PDB file of all heavy atoms in Angstrom:
ATOM      1  N   LYS A   1       0.830  -1.202   0.000  1.00  0.00           N
ATOM      2  CA  LYS A   1       0.000   0.000   0.000  1.00  0.00           C
ATOM      3  C   LYS A   1       0.867   1.256   0.000  1.00  0.00           C
ATOM      4  O   LYS A   1       0.565   2.253  -0.666  1.00  0.00           O
ATOM      5  CB  LYS A   1      -0.932  -0.002   1.207  1.00  0.00           C
ATOM      6  CG  LYS A   1      -1.877   1.196   1.238  1.00  0.00           C
ATOM      7  CD  LYS A   1      -2.821   1.169   2.439  1.00  0.00           C
ATOM      8  CE  LYS A   1      -3.757   2.367   2.409  1.00  0.00           C
ATOM      9  NZ  LYS A   1      -4.682   2.373   3.567  1.00  0.00           N
ATOM     10  N   GLN A   2       1.973   1.221   0.767  1.00  0.00           N
ATOM     11  CA  GLN A   2       2.880   2.369   0.812  1.00  0.00           C
ATOM     12  C   GLN A   2       3.533   2.602  -0.549  1.00  0.00           C
ATOM     13  O   GLN A   2       3.691   3.744  -0.995  1.00  0.00           O
ATOM     14  CB  GLN A   2       3.940   2.132   1.894  1.00  0.00           C
ATOM     15  CG  GLN A   2       3.382   2.145   3.315  1.00  0.00           C
ATOM     16  CD  GLN A   2       4.427   1.713   4.341  1.00  0.00           C
ATOM     17  OE1 GLN A   2       5.454   1.120   3.996  1.00  0.00           O
ATOM     18  NE2 GLN A   2       4.155   1.998   5.618  1.00  0.00           N
ATOM     19  N   VAL A   3       3.905   1.487  -1.224  1.00  0.00           N
ATOM     20  CA  VAL A   3       4.479   1.618  -2.568  1.00  0.00           C
ATOM     21  C   VAL A   3       3.455   2.225  -3.524  1.00  0.00           C
ATOM     22  O   VAL A   3       3.782   3.091  -4.353  1.00  0.00           O
ATOM     23  CB  VAL A   3       4.963   0.247  -3.076  1.00  0.00           C
ATOM     24  CG1 VAL A   3       5.370   0.323  -4.552  1.00  0.00           C
ATOM     25  CG2 VAL A   3       6.122  -0.259  -2.228  1.00  0.00           C
ATOM     26  N   TYR A   4       2.204   1.755  -3.413  1.00  0.00           N
ATOM     27  CA  TYR A   4       1.141   2.284  -4.274  1.00  0.00           C
ATOM     28  C   TYR A   4       0.918   3.779  -4.021  1.00  0.00           C
ATOM     29  O   TYR A   4       0.807   4.580  -4.973  1.00  0.00           O
ATOM     30  CB  TYR A   4      -0.148   1.503  -4.030  1.00  0.00           C
ATOM     31  CG  TYR A   4      -1.379   2.114  -4.659  1.00  0.00           C
ATOM     32  CD1 TYR A   4      -1.421   2.407  -6.018  1.00  0.00           C
ATOM     33  CD2 TYR A   4      -2.502   2.403  -3.889  1.00  0.00           C
ATOM     34  CE1 TYR A   4      -2.552   2.972  -6.600  1.00  0.00           C
ATOM     35  CE2 TYR A   4      -3.633   2.973  -4.454  1.00  0.00           C
ATOM     36  CZ  TYR A   4      -3.651   3.260  -5.813  1.00  0.00           C
ATOM     37  OH  TYR A   4      -4.768   3.814  -6.376  1.00  0.00           O
ATOM     38  N   ASN A   5       0.882   4.206  -2.772  1.00  0.00           N
ATOM     39  CA  ASN A   5       0.690   5.629  -2.442  1.00  0.00           C
ATOM     40  C   ASN A   5       1.832   6.483  -2.980  1.00  0.00           C
ATOM     41  O   ASN A   5       1.626   7.599  -3.465  1.00  0.00           O
ATOM     42  CB  ASN A   5       0.556   5.811  -0.926  1.00  0.00           C
ATOM     43  CG  ASN A   5      -0.786   5.314  -0.411  1.00  0.00           C
ATOM     44  OD1 ASN A   5      -1.762   5.242  -1.156  1.00  0.00           O
ATOM     45  ND2 ASN A   5      -0.850   4.963   0.875  1.00  0.00           N
ATOM     46  N   ALA A   6       3.052   5.963  -2.886  1.00  0.00           N
ATOM     47  CA  ALA A   6       4.206   6.690  -3.424  1.00  0.00           C
ATOM     48  C   ALA A   6       4.094   6.838  -4.940  1.00  0.00           C
ATOM     49  O   ALA A   6       4.406   7.895  -5.507  1.00  0.00           O
ATOM     50  CB  ALA A   6       5.501   5.973  -3.047  1.00  0.00           C
ATOM     51  N   ALA A   7       3.617   5.768  -5.616  1.00  0.00           N
ATOM     52  CA  ALA A   7       3.434   5.833  -7.067  1.00  0.00           C
ATOM     53  C   ALA A   7       2.352   6.842  -7.434  1.00  0.00           C
ATOM     54  O   ALA A   7       2.467   7.567  -8.428  1.00  0.00           O
ATOM     55  CB  ALA A   7       3.071   4.445  -7.606  1.00  0.00           C
ATOM     56  N   LYS A   8       1.286   6.899  -6.624  1.00  0.00           N
ATOM     57  CA  LYS A   8       0.224   7.880  -6.875  1.00  0.00           C
ATOM     58  C   LYS A   8       0.752   9.304  -6.758  1.00  0.00           C
ATOM     59  O   LYS A   8       0.448  10.165  -7.587  1.00  0.00           O
ATOM     60  CB  LYS A   8      -0.928   7.686  -5.870  1.00  0.00           C
ATOM     61  CG  LYS A   8      -1.861   6.549  -6.204  1.00  0.00           C
ATOM     62  CD  LYS A   8      -3.217   6.699  -5.503  1.00  0.00           C
ATOM     63  CE  LYS A   8      -3.064   6.821  -4.007  1.00  0.00           C
ATOM     64  NZ  LYS A   8      -4.378   6.917  -3.340  1.00  0.00           N
ATOM     65  N   ARG A   9       1.551   9.552  -5.704  1.00  0.00           N
ATOM     66  CA  ARG A   9       2.101  10.901  -5.513  1.00  0.00           C
ATOM     67  C   ARG A   9       3.018  11.285  -6.663  1.00  0.00           C
ATOM     68  O   ARG A   9       3.028  12.438  -7.114  1.00  0.00           O
ATOM     69  CB  ARG A   9       2.835  10.984  -4.168  1.00  0.00           C
ATOM     70  CG  ARG A   9       1.908  10.963  -2.953  1.00  0.00           C
ATOM     71  CD  ARG A   9       2.669  11.343  -1.689  1.00  0.00           C
ATOM     72  NE  ARG A   9       3.683  10.355  -1.354  1.00  0.00           N
ATOM     73  CZ  ARG A   9       3.470   9.293  -0.564  1.00  0.00           C
ATOM     74  NH1 ARG A   9       2.255   9.079  -0.068  1.00  0.00           N
ATOM     75  NH2 ARG A   9       4.449   8.448  -0.290  1.00  0.00           N
ATOM     76  N   HIS A  10       3.780  10.324  -7.155  1.00  0.00           N
ATOM     77  CA  HIS A  10       4.696  10.587  -8.270  1.00  0.00           C
ATOM     78  C   HIS A  10       3.911  10.964  -9.537  1.00  0.00           C
ATOM     79  O   HIS A  10       4.262  11.915 -10.240  1.00  0.00           O
ATOM     80  CB  HIS A  10       5.566   9.350  -8.528  1.00  0.00           C
ATOM     81  CG  HIS A  10       6.548   9.528  -9.641  1.00  0.00           C
ATOM     82  ND1 HIS A  10       7.479  10.553  -9.672  1.00  0.00           N
ATOM     83  CD2 HIS A  10       6.739   8.816 -10.793  1.00  0.00           C
ATOM     84  CE1 HIS A  10       8.201  10.469 -10.769  1.00  0.00           C
ATOM     85  NE2 HIS A  10       7.766   9.418 -11.482  1.00  0.00           N
ATOM     86  N   VAL A  11       2.840  10.232  -9.820  1.00  0.00           N
ATOM     87  CA  VAL A  11       2.007  10.545 -10.979  1.00  0.00           C
ATOM     88  C   VAL A  11       1.375  11.925 -10.823  1.00  0.00           C
ATOM     89  O   VAL A  11       1.327  12.718 -11.778  1.00  0.00           O
ATOM     90  CB  VAL A  11       0.918   9.466 -11.179  1.00  0.00           C
ATOM     91  CG1 VAL A  11      -0.106   9.920 -12.221  1.00  0.00           C
ATOM     92  CG2 VAL A  11       1.551   8.153 -11.608  1.00  0.00           C
ATOM     93  N   THR A  12       0.906  12.239  -9.632  1.00  0.00           N
ATOM     94  CA  THR A  12       0.277  13.548  -9.387  1.00  0.00           C
ATOM     95  C   THR A  12       1.257  14.680  -9.653  1.00  0.00           C
ATOM     96  O   THR A  12       0.911  15.695 -10.275  1.00  0.00           O
ATOM     97  CB  THR A  12      -0.234  13.628  -7.938  1.00  0.00           C
ATOM     98  OG1 THR A  12      -1.215  12.602  -7.729  1.00  0.00           O
ATOM     99  CG2 THR A  12      -0.871  14.995  -7.657  1.00  0.00           C
ATOM    100  N   ARG A  13       2.520  14.499  -9.197  1.00  0.00           N
ATOM    101  CA  ARG A  13       3.530  15.534  -9.441  1.00  0.00           C
ATOM    102  C   ARG A  13       3.810  15.694 -10.931  1.00  0.00           C
ATOM    103  O   ARG A  13       3.946  16.808 -11.436  1.00  0.00           O
ATOM    104  CB  ARG A  13       4.815  15.191  -8.681  1.00  0.00           C
ATOM    105  CG  ARG A  13       4.745  15.401  -7.179  1.00  0.00           C
ATOM    106  CD  ARG A  13       6.132  15.351  -6.555  1.00  0.00           C
ATOM    107  NE  ARG A  13       6.709  14.018  -6.665  1.00  0.00           N
ATOM    108  CZ  ARG A  13       6.583  13.057  -5.755  1.00  0.00           C
ATOM    109  NH1 ARG A  13       5.872  13.297  -4.652  1.00  0.00           N
ATOM    110  NH2 ARG A  13       7.153  11.876  -5.923  1.00  0.00           N
ATOM    111  N   LEU A  14       3.899  14.569 -11.643  1.00  0.00           N
ATOM    112  CA  LEU A  14       4.160  14.636 -13.082  1.00  0.00           C
ATOM    113  C   LEU A  14       3.003  15.294 -13.838  1.00  0.00           C
ATOM    114  O   LEU A  14       3.225  16.086 -14.759  1.00  0.00           O
ATOM    115  CB  LEU A  14       4.414  13.233 -13.637  1.00  0.00           C
ATOM    116  CG  LEU A  14       5.734  12.561 -13.236  1.00  0.00           C
ATOM    117  CD1 LEU A  14       5.809  11.158 -13.826  1.00  0.00           C
ATOM    118  CD2 LEU A  14       6.927  13.392 -13.704  1.00  0.00           C
ATOM    119  N   VAL A  15       1.762  14.961 -13.451  1.00  0.00           N
ATOM    120  CA  VAL A  15       0.590  15.573 -14.100  1.00  0.00           C
ATOM    121  C   VAL A  15       0.570  17.075 -13.845  1.00  0.00           C
ATOM    122  O   VAL A  15       0.317  17.874 -14.759  1.00  0.00           O
ATOM    123  CB  VAL A  15      -0.713  14.916 -13.585  1.00  0.00           C
ATOM    124  CG1 VAL A  15      -1.937  15.724 -14.026  1.00  0.00           C
ATOM    125  CG2 VAL A  15      -0.817  13.486 -14.094  1.00  0.00           C
ATOM    126  N   GLN A  16       0.856  17.469 -12.602  1.00  0.00           N
ATOM    127  CA  GLN A  16       0.856  18.897 -12.277  1.00  0.00           C
ATOM    128  C   GLN A  16       1.932  19.632 -13.066  1.00  0.00           C
ATOM    129  O   GLN A  16       1.707  20.731 -13.594  1.00  0.00           O
ATOM    130  CB  GLN A  16       1.083  19.093 -10.775  1.00  0.00           C
ATOM    131  CG  GLN A  16       0.966  20.533 -10.301  1.00  0.00           C
ATOM    132  CD  GLN A  16      -0.403  21.116 -10.569  1.00  0.00           C
ATOM    133  OE1 GLN A  16      -1.410  20.494 -10.268  1.00  0.00           O
ATOM    134  NE2 GLN A  16      -0.459  22.301 -11.150  1.00  0.00           N
ATOM    135  N   ALA A  17       3.108  19.015 -13.177  1.00  0.00           N
ATOM    136  CA  ALA A  17       4.194  19.644 -13.939  1.00  0.00           C
ATOM    137  C   ALA A  17       3.823  19.751 -15.413  1.00  0.00           C
ATOM    138  O   ALA A  17       4.106  20.762 -16.068  1.00  0.00           O
ATOM    139  CB  ALA A  17       5.479  18.843 -13.763  1.00  0.00           C
ATOM    140  N   ALA A  18       3.166  18.707 -15.956  1.00  0.00           N
ATOM    141  CA  ALA A  18       2.769  18.730 -17.369  1.00  0.00           C
ATOM    142  C   ALA A  18       1.728  19.815 -17.620  1.00  0.00           C
ATOM    143  O   ALA A  18       1.788  20.537 -18.618  1.00  0.00           O
ATOM    144  CB  ALA A  18       2.229  17.355 -17.770  1.00  0.00           C
ATOM    145  N   LYS A  19       0.763  19.940 -16.712  1.00  0.00           N
ATOM    146  CA  LYS A  19      -0.266  20.974 -16.861  1.00  0.00           C
ATOM    147  C   LYS A  19       0.347  22.370 -16.772  1.00  0.00           C
ATOM    148  O   LYS A  19       0.010  23.271 -17.543  1.00  0.00           O
ATOM    149  CB  LYS A  19      -1.350  20.813 -15.796  1.00  0.00           C
ATOM    150  CG  LYS A  19      -2.284  19.640 -16.024  1.00  0.00           C
ATOM    151  CD  LYS A  19      -3.381  19.598 -14.968  1.00  0.00           C
ATOM    152  CE  LYS A  19      -4.382  18.486 -15.247  1.00  0.00           C
ATOM    153  NZ  LYS A  19      -5.452  18.443 -14.232  1.00  0.00           N
ATOM    154  N   THR A  20       1.260  22.537 -15.814  1.00  0.00           N
ATOM    155  CA  THR A  20       1.918  23.838 -15.654  1.00  0.00           C
ATOM    156  C   THR A  20       2.672  24.223 -16.919  1.00  0.00           C
ATOM    157  O   THR A  20       2.571  25.353 -17.411  1.00  0.00           O
ATOM    158  CB  THR A  20       2.880  23.806 -14.451  1.00  0.00           C
ATOM    159  OG1 THR A  20       2.137  23.505 -13.269  1.00  0.00           O
ATOM    160  CG2 THR A  20       3.591  25.137 -14.290  1.00  0.00           C
ATOM    161  N   SER A  21       3.424  23.261 -17.454  1.00  0.00           N
ATOM    162  CA  SER A  21       4.189  23.520 -18.674  1.00  0.00           C
ATOM    163  C   SER A  21       3.254  23.814 -19.850  1.00  0.00           C
ATOM    164  O   SER A  21       3.494  24.743 -20.630  1.00  0.00           O
ATOM    165  CB  SER A  21       5.068  22.309 -18.991  1.00  0.00           C
ATOM    166  OG  SER A  21       5.726  22.475 -20.225  1.00  0.00           O
ATOM    167  N   PHE A  22       2.184  23.035 -19.966  1.00  0.00           N
ATOM    168  CA  PHE A  22       1.251  23.194 -21.090  1.00  0.00           C
ATOM    169  C   PHE A  22       0.605  24.573 -21.069  1.00  0.00           C
ATOM    170  O   PHE A  22       0.608  25.300 -22.071  1.00  0.00           O
ATOM    171  CB  PHE A  22       0.181  22.102 -21.011  1.00  0.00           C
ATOM    172  CG  PHE A  22      -0.908  22.237 -22.039  1.00  0.00           C
ATOM    173  CD1 PHE A  22      -0.716  21.807 -23.345  1.00  0.00           C
ATOM    174  CD2 PHE A  22      -2.128  22.802 -21.700  1.00  0.00           C
ATOM    175  CE1 PHE A  22      -1.720  21.927 -24.291  1.00  0.00           C
ATOM    176  CE2 PHE A  22      -3.142  22.933 -22.635  1.00  0.00           C
ATOM    177  CZ  PHE A  22      -2.929  22.493 -23.933  1.00  0.00           C
ATOM    178  N   PHE A  23       0.045  24.963 -19.918  1.00  0.00           N
ATOM    179  CA  PHE A  23      -0.671  26.235 -19.860  1.00  0.00           C
ATOM    180  C   PHE A  23       0.279  27.432 -19.872  1.00  0.00           C
ATOM    181  O   PHE A  23      -0.068  28.492 -20.373  1.00  0.00           O
ATOM    182  CB  PHE A  23      -1.592  26.283 -18.635  1.00  0.00           C
ATOM    183  CG  PHE A  23      -2.847  25.473 -18.811  1.00  0.00           C
ATOM    184  CD1 PHE A  23      -3.035  24.295 -18.122  1.00  0.00           C
ATOM    185  CD2 PHE A  23      -3.836  25.894 -19.689  1.00  0.00           C
ATOM    186  CE1 PHE A  23      -4.193  23.547 -18.291  1.00  0.00           C
ATOM    187  CE2 PHE A  23      -4.987  25.155 -19.867  1.00  0.00           C
ATOM    188  CZ  PHE A  23      -5.170  23.979 -19.159  1.00  0.00           C
ATOM    189  N   SER A  24       1.481  27.255 -19.333  1.00  0.00           N
ATOM    190  CA  SER A  24       2.471  28.339 -19.414  1.00  0.00           C
ATOM    191  C   SER A  24       2.808  28.630 -20.871  1.00  0.00           C
ATOM    192  O   SER A  24       2.895  29.791 -21.279  1.00  0.00           O
ATOM    193  CB  SER A  24       3.739  27.969 -18.649  1.00  0.00           C
ATOM    194  OG  SER A  24       3.466  27.840 -17.276  1.00  0.00           O
ATOM    195  N   THR A  25       2.977  27.553 -21.645  1.00  0.00           N
ATOM    196  CA  THR A  25       3.259  27.733 -23.073  1.00  0.00           C
ATOM    197  C   THR A  25       2.085  28.390 -23.781  1.00  0.00           C
ATOM    198  O   THR A  25       2.266  29.295 -24.613  1.00  0.00           O
ATOM    199  CB  THR A  25       3.560  26.367 -23.720  1.00  0.00           C
ATOM    200  OG1 THR A  25       4.672  25.764 -23.047  1.00  0.00           O
ATOM    201  CG2 THR A  25       3.887  26.532 -25.196  1.00  0.00           C
ATOM    202  N   LYS A  26       0.858  27.956 -23.459  1.00  0.00           N
ATOM    203  CA  LYS A  26      -0.339  28.546 -24.063  1.00  0.00           C
ATOM    204  C   LYS A  26      -0.426  30.040 -23.757  1.00  0.00           C
ATOM    205  O   LYS A  26      -0.771  30.854 -24.618  1.00  0.00           O
ATOM    206  CB  LYS A  26      -1.600  27.843 -23.545  1.00  0.00           C
ATOM    207  CG  LYS A  26      -1.826  26.471 -24.138  1.00  0.00           C
ATOM    208  CD  LYS A  26      -2.370  26.583 -25.552  1.00  0.00           C
ATOM    209  CE  LYS A  26      -2.776  25.234 -26.110  1.00  0.00           C
ATOM    210  NZ  LYS A  26      -3.283  25.345 -27.490  1.00  0.00           N
ATOM    211  N   ILE A  27      -0.146  30.400 -22.514  1.00  0.00           N
ATOM    212  CA  ILE A  27      -0.219  31.811 -22.114  1.00  0.00           C
ATOM    213  C   ILE A  27       0.824  32.631 -22.852  1.00  0.00           C
ATOM    214  O   ILE A  27       0.552  33.719 -23.355  1.00  0.00           O
ATOM    215  CB  ILE A  27      -0.055  31.930 -20.578  1.00  0.00           C
ATOM    216  CG1 ILE A  27      -1.297  31.381 -19.878  1.00  0.00           C
ATOM    217  CG2 ILE A  27       0.211  33.371 -20.171  1.00  0.00           C
ATOM    218  CD1 ILE A  27      -1.147  31.240 -18.384  1.00  0.00           C
ATOM    219  N   MET A  28       2.048  32.094 -22.939  1.00  0.00           N
ATOM    220  CA  MET A  28       3.116  32.825 -23.619  1.00  0.00           C
ATOM    221  C   MET A  28       2.838  32.976 -25.109  1.00  0.00           C
ATOM    222  O   MET A  28       3.247  33.955 -25.736  1.00  0.00           O
ATOM    223  CB  MET A  28       4.449  32.104 -23.409  1.00  0.00           C
ATOM    224  CG  MET A  28       4.932  32.105 -21.974  1.00  0.00           C
ATOM    225  SD  MET A  28       5.180  33.771 -21.319  1.00  0.00           S
ATOM    226  CE  MET A  28       6.541  34.304 -22.343  1.00  0.00           C
ATOM    227  N   GLU A  29       2.129  32.015 -25.701  1.00  0.00           N
ATOM    228  CA  GLU A  29       1.867  32.051 -27.134  1.00  0.00           C
ATOM    229  C   GLU A  29       0.564  32.768 -27.478  1.00  0.00           C
ATOM    230  O   GLU A  29       0.212  32.858 -28.659  1.00  0.00           O
ATOM    231  CB  GLU A  29       1.817  30.619 -27.681  1.00  0.00           C
ATOM    232  CG  GLU A  29       3.174  29.910 -27.648  1.00  0.00           C
ATOM    233  CD  GLU A  29       3.090  28.480 -28.149  1.00  0.00           C
ATOM    234  OE1 GLU A  29       1.953  27.984 -28.325  1.00  0.00           O
ATOM    235  OE2 GLU A  29       4.149  27.857 -28.342  1.00  0.00           O
ATOM    236  N   SER A  30      -0.148  33.267 -26.479  1.00  0.00           N
ATOM    237  CA  SER A  30      -1.417  33.964 -26.738  1.00  0.00           C
ATOM    238  C   SER A  30      -1.161  35.209 -27.581  1.00  0.00           C
ATOM    239  O   SER A  30      -0.300  36.031 -27.255  1.00  0.00           O
ATOM    240  CB  SER A  30      -2.080  34.368 -25.422  1.00  0.00           C
ATOM    241  OG  SER A  30      -2.456  33.234 -24.694  1.00  0.00           O
ATOM    242  N   LYS A  31      -1.904  35.342 -28.660  1.00  0.00           N
ATOM    243  CA  LYS A  31      -1.719  36.454 -29.578  1.00  0.00           C
ATOM    244  C   LYS A  31      -2.732  37.570 -29.373  1.00  0.00           C
ATOM    245  O   LYS A  31      -2.675  38.595 -30.038  1.00  0.00           O
ATOM    246  CB  LYS A  31      -1.801  35.952 -31.022  1.00  0.00           C
ATOM    247  CG  LYS A  31      -0.681  34.976 -31.379  1.00  0.00           C
ATOM    248  CD  LYS A  31      -0.781  34.523 -32.812  1.00  0.00           C
ATOM    249  CE  LYS A  31       0.333  33.552 -33.170  1.00  0.00           C
ATOM    250  NZ  LYS A  31       0.236  33.077 -34.572  1.00  0.00           N
ATOM    251  N   SER A  32      -3.674  37.372 -28.465  1.00  0.00           N
ATOM    252  CA  SER A  32      -4.678  38.404 -28.219  1.00  0.00           C
ATOM    253  C   SER A  32      -5.158  38.282 -26.786  1.00  0.00           C
ATOM    254  O   SER A  32      -5.005  37.247 -26.131  1.00  0.00           O
ATOM    255  CB  SER A  32      -5.871  38.243 -29.180  1.00  0.00           C
ATOM    256  OG  SER A  32      -6.582  37.052 -28.882  1.00  0.00           O
TER     257      SER A  32
END
């Protein structure tokens, strides 16, 4: 269970980083 919880936290961090990168790029590329 502890291994599973650690894997969940790792996925959550990666998803958050991916979303941050995605929307940061979208904001920087906004033309209007």
